[in-house]
C-alpha atoms as a PDB file:
ATOM      1  CA  UNK A   1      77.444  84.584 116.383  1.00  0.00           C
ATOM      2  CA  UNK A   2      78.438  85.445 119.904  1.00  0.00           C
ATOM      3  CA  UNK A   3      76.178  87.050 122.484  1.00  0.00           C
ATOM      4  CA  UNK A   4      76.089  90.828 122.775  1.00  0.00           C
ATOM      5  CA  UNK A   5      78.182  90.798 125.951  1.00  0.00           C
ATOM      6  CA  UNK A   6      80.881  88.379 124.736  1.00  0.00           C
ATOM      7  CA  UNK A   7      84.214  89.969 123.899  1.00  0.00           C
ATOM      8  CA  UNK A   8      85.806  89.527 120.493  1.00  0.00           C
ATOM      9  CA  UNK A   9      89.416  90.114 119.474  1.00  0.00           C
ATOM     10  CA  UNK A  10      89.241  92.787 116.756  1.00  0.00           C
ATOM     11  CA  UNK A  11      92.194  93.769 114.534  1.00  0.00           C
ATOM     12  CA  UNK A  12      92.990  97.435 115.101  1.00  0.00           C
ATOM     13  CA  UNK A  13      95.700 100.050 114.823  1.00  0.00           C
ATOM     14  CA  UNK A  14      96.557 103.407 116.371  1.00  0.00           C
ATOM     15  CA  UNK A  15      96.481 106.281 113.903  1.00  0.00           C
ATOM     16  CA  UNK A  16      98.860 109.218 113.931  1.00  0.00           C
ATOM     17  CA  UNK A  17      96.024 111.235 115.531  1.00  0.00           C
ATOM     18  CA  UNK A  18      95.929 108.821 118.507  1.00  0.00           C
ATOM     19  CA  UNK A  19      92.658 107.276 117.358  1.00  0.00           C
ATOM     20  CA  UNK A  20      92.216 103.535 117.747  1.00  0.00           C
ATOM     21  CA  UNK A  21      90.760 102.308 114.465  1.00  0.00           C
ATOM     22  CA  UNK A  22      89.387  98.863 113.704  1.00  0.00           C
ATOM     23  CA  UNK A  23      90.183  97.168 110.430  1.00  0.00           C
ATOM     24  CA  UNK A  24      87.404  96.305 108.028  1.00  0.00           C
ATOM     25  CA  UNK A  25      87.475  93.956 105.089  1.00  0.00           C
ATOM     26  CA  UNK A  26      85.554  93.077 101.966  1.00  0.00           C
ATOM     27  CA  UNK A  27      83.983  89.873 100.781  1.00  0.00           C
ATOM     28  CA  UNK A  28      85.001  88.576  97.342  1.00  0.00           C
ATOM     29  CA  UNK A  29      81.828  90.260  96.040  1.00  0.00           C
ATOM     30  CA  UNK A  30      83.021  93.606  97.432  1.00  0.00           C
ATOM     31  CA  UNK A  31      80.678  93.918 100.438  1.00  0.00           C
ATOM     32  CA  UNK A  32      82.416  95.726 103.317  1.00  0.00           C
ATOM     33  CA  UNK A  33      82.465  93.686 106.557  1.00  0.00           C
ATOM     34  CA  UNK A  34      83.708  94.001 110.095  1.00  0.00           C
ATOM     35  CA  UNK A  35      86.348  91.473 111.142  1.00  0.00           C
ATOM     36  CA  UNK A  36      86.516  89.784 114.542  1.00  0.00           C
ATOM     37  CA  UNK A  37      87.913  86.660 116.164  1.00  0.00           C
ATOM     38  CA  UNK A  38      86.734  84.562 119.098  1.00  0.00           C
ATOM     39  CA  UNK A  39      90.269  84.512 120.530  1.00  0.00           C
ATOM     40  CA  UNK A  40      93.556  86.402 120.178  1.00  0.00           C
ATOM     41  CA  UNK A  41      95.131  83.110 119.093  1.00  0.00           C
ATOM     42  CA  UNK A  42      92.747  82.794 116.136  1.00  0.00           C
ATOM     43  CA  UNK A  43      93.487  86.394 115.161  1.00  0.00           C
ATOM     44  CA  UNK A  44      97.249  85.791 115.331  1.00  0.00           C
ATOM     45  CA  UNK A  45      96.957  82.589 113.280  1.00  0.00           C
ATOM     46  CA  UNK A  46      95.143  84.363 110.439  1.00  0.00           C
ATOM     47  CA  UNK A  47      96.646  87.865 110.567  1.00  0.00           C
ATOM     48  CA  UNK A  48     100.032  87.267 112.169  1.00  0.00           C
ATOM     49  CA  UNK A  49     101.348  87.823 115.669  1.00  0.00           C
ATOM     50  CA  UNK A  50     102.338  91.428 114.897  1.00  0.00           C
ATOM     51  CA  UNK A  51      98.745  92.488 114.192  1.00  0.00           C
ATOM     52  CA  UNK A  52      97.491  94.842 116.909  1.00  0.00           C
ATOM     53  CA  UNK A  53      94.064  94.110 118.316  1.00  0.00           C
ATOM     54  CA  UNK A  54      91.567  95.172 120.951  1.00  0.00           C
ATOM     55  CA  UNK A  55      88.726  93.455 122.769  1.00  0.00           C
ATOM     56  CA  UNK A  56      85.260  94.709 121.814  1.00  0.00           C
ATOM     57  CA  UNK A  57      81.787  93.442 122.518  1.00  0.00           C
ATOM     58  CA  UNK A  58      79.728  92.440 119.520  1.00  0.00           C
ATOM     59  CA  UNK A  59      77.427  95.376 120.254  1.00  0.00           C
ATOM     60  CA  UNK A  60      80.331  97.859 120.126  1.00  0.00           C
ATOM     61  CA  UNK A  61      81.713  96.256 116.981  1.00  0.00           C
ATOM     62  CA  UNK A  62      78.349  96.583 115.250  1.00  0.00           C
ATOM     63  CA  UNK A  63      77.919 100.211 116.371  1.00  0.00           C
ATOM     64  CA  UNK A  64      81.326 101.554 115.300  1.00  0.00           C
ATOM     65  CA  UNK A  65      81.133 100.858 111.542  1.00  0.00           C
ATOM     66  CA  UNK A  66      77.392 101.562 111.250  1.00  0.00           C
ATOM     67  CA  UNK A  67      77.972 105.004 109.649  1.00  0.00           C
ATOM     68  CA  UNK A  68      79.777 103.136 106.840  1.00  0.00           C
ATOM     69  CA  UNK A  69      76.705 100.960 106.247  1.00  0.00           C
ATOM     70  CA  UNK A  70      78.586  97.870 107.501  1.00  0.00           C
ATOM     71  CA  UNK A  71      76.023  95.394 108.742  1.00  0.00           C
ATOM     72  CA  UNK A  72      77.938  92.107 108.532  1.00  0.00           C
ATOM     73  CA  UNK A  73      80.621  90.996 110.995  1.00  0.00           C
ATOM     74  CA  UNK A  74      82.800  88.133 109.803  1.00  0.00           C
ATOM     75  CA  UNK A  75      83.834  86.115 112.876  1.00  0.00           C
ATOM     76  CA  UNK A  76      86.887  83.843 112.689  1.00  0.00           C
ATOM     77  CA  UNK A  77      87.616  84.189 108.979  1.00  0.00           C
ATOM     78  CA  UNK A  78      90.100  81.566 107.851  1.00  0.00           C
ATOM     79  CA  UNK A  79      91.832  83.782 105.309  1.00  0.00           C
ATOM     80  CA  UNK A  80      92.523  87.498 105.030  1.00  0.00           C
ATOM     81  CA  UNK A  81      93.870  88.336 101.589  1.00  0.00           C
ATOM     82  CA  UNK A  82      94.909  91.506  99.822  1.00  0.00           C
ATOM     83  CA  UNK A  83      92.235  93.695  98.299  1.00  0.00           C
ATOM     84  CA  UNK A  84      92.288  93.746  94.521  1.00  0.00           C
ATOM     85  CA  UNK A  85      90.908  97.020  93.216  1.00  0.00           C
ATOM     86  CA  UNK A  86      91.882  99.445  90.507  1.00  0.00           C
ATOM     87  CA  UNK A  87      92.125 102.338  93.001  1.00  0.00           C
ATOM     88  CA  UNK A  88      95.349 103.079  94.895  1.00  0.00           C
ATOM     89  CA  UNK A  89      95.422 101.577  98.398  1.00  0.00           C
ATOM     90  CA  UNK A  90      95.262 104.982 100.135  1.00  0.00           C
ATOM     91  CA  UNK A  91      91.851 105.680  98.633  1.00  0.00           C
ATOM     92  CA  UNK A  92      90.509 102.333  99.926  1.00  0.00           C
ATOM     93  CA  UNK A  93      91.362 102.833 103.601  1.00  0.00           C
ATOM     94  CA  UNK A  94      88.492 103.683 105.883  1.00  0.00           C
ATOM     95  CA  UNK A  95      89.031 104.451 109.531  1.00  0.00           C
ATOM     96  CA  UNK A  96      86.417 103.524 112.071  1.00  0.00           C
ATOM     97  CA  UNK A  97      87.522 104.306 115.572  1.00  0.00           C
ATOM     98  CA  UNK A  98      87.285 105.955 118.912  1.00  0.00           C
ATOM     99  CA  UNK A  99      89.095 109.194 119.662  1.00  0.00           C
ATOM    100  CA  UNK A 100      91.581 109.054 122.499  1.00  0.00           C
ATOM    101  CA  UNK A 101      90.367 110.812 125.617  1.00  0.00           C
ATOM    102  CA  UNK A 102      92.942 113.270 127.030  1.00  0.00           C
ATOM    103  CA  UNK A 103      94.041 112.728 130.618  1.00  0.00           C
END
């Protein structure tokens, strides 16, 4: 794992409420995990060049999803596949993010 001050490229997206949210994933066993990459190139290789991302320190990445009981951060996963659950996709999405600060 990287040091606490090293920056990681983290897949993210901007919500309609102007909140930057990081993407989380699940292991094949269903455990929710944070996702991060050691470089933007690694992120683009696995998730595609159109995937938005932000730089975060490991410390910040561990703090943001803590309320969701996420304790594991998967760094440089080689494959990101679709989730296979019986629930509709909308009920599986969980946003973990930072609210935009008004100017």
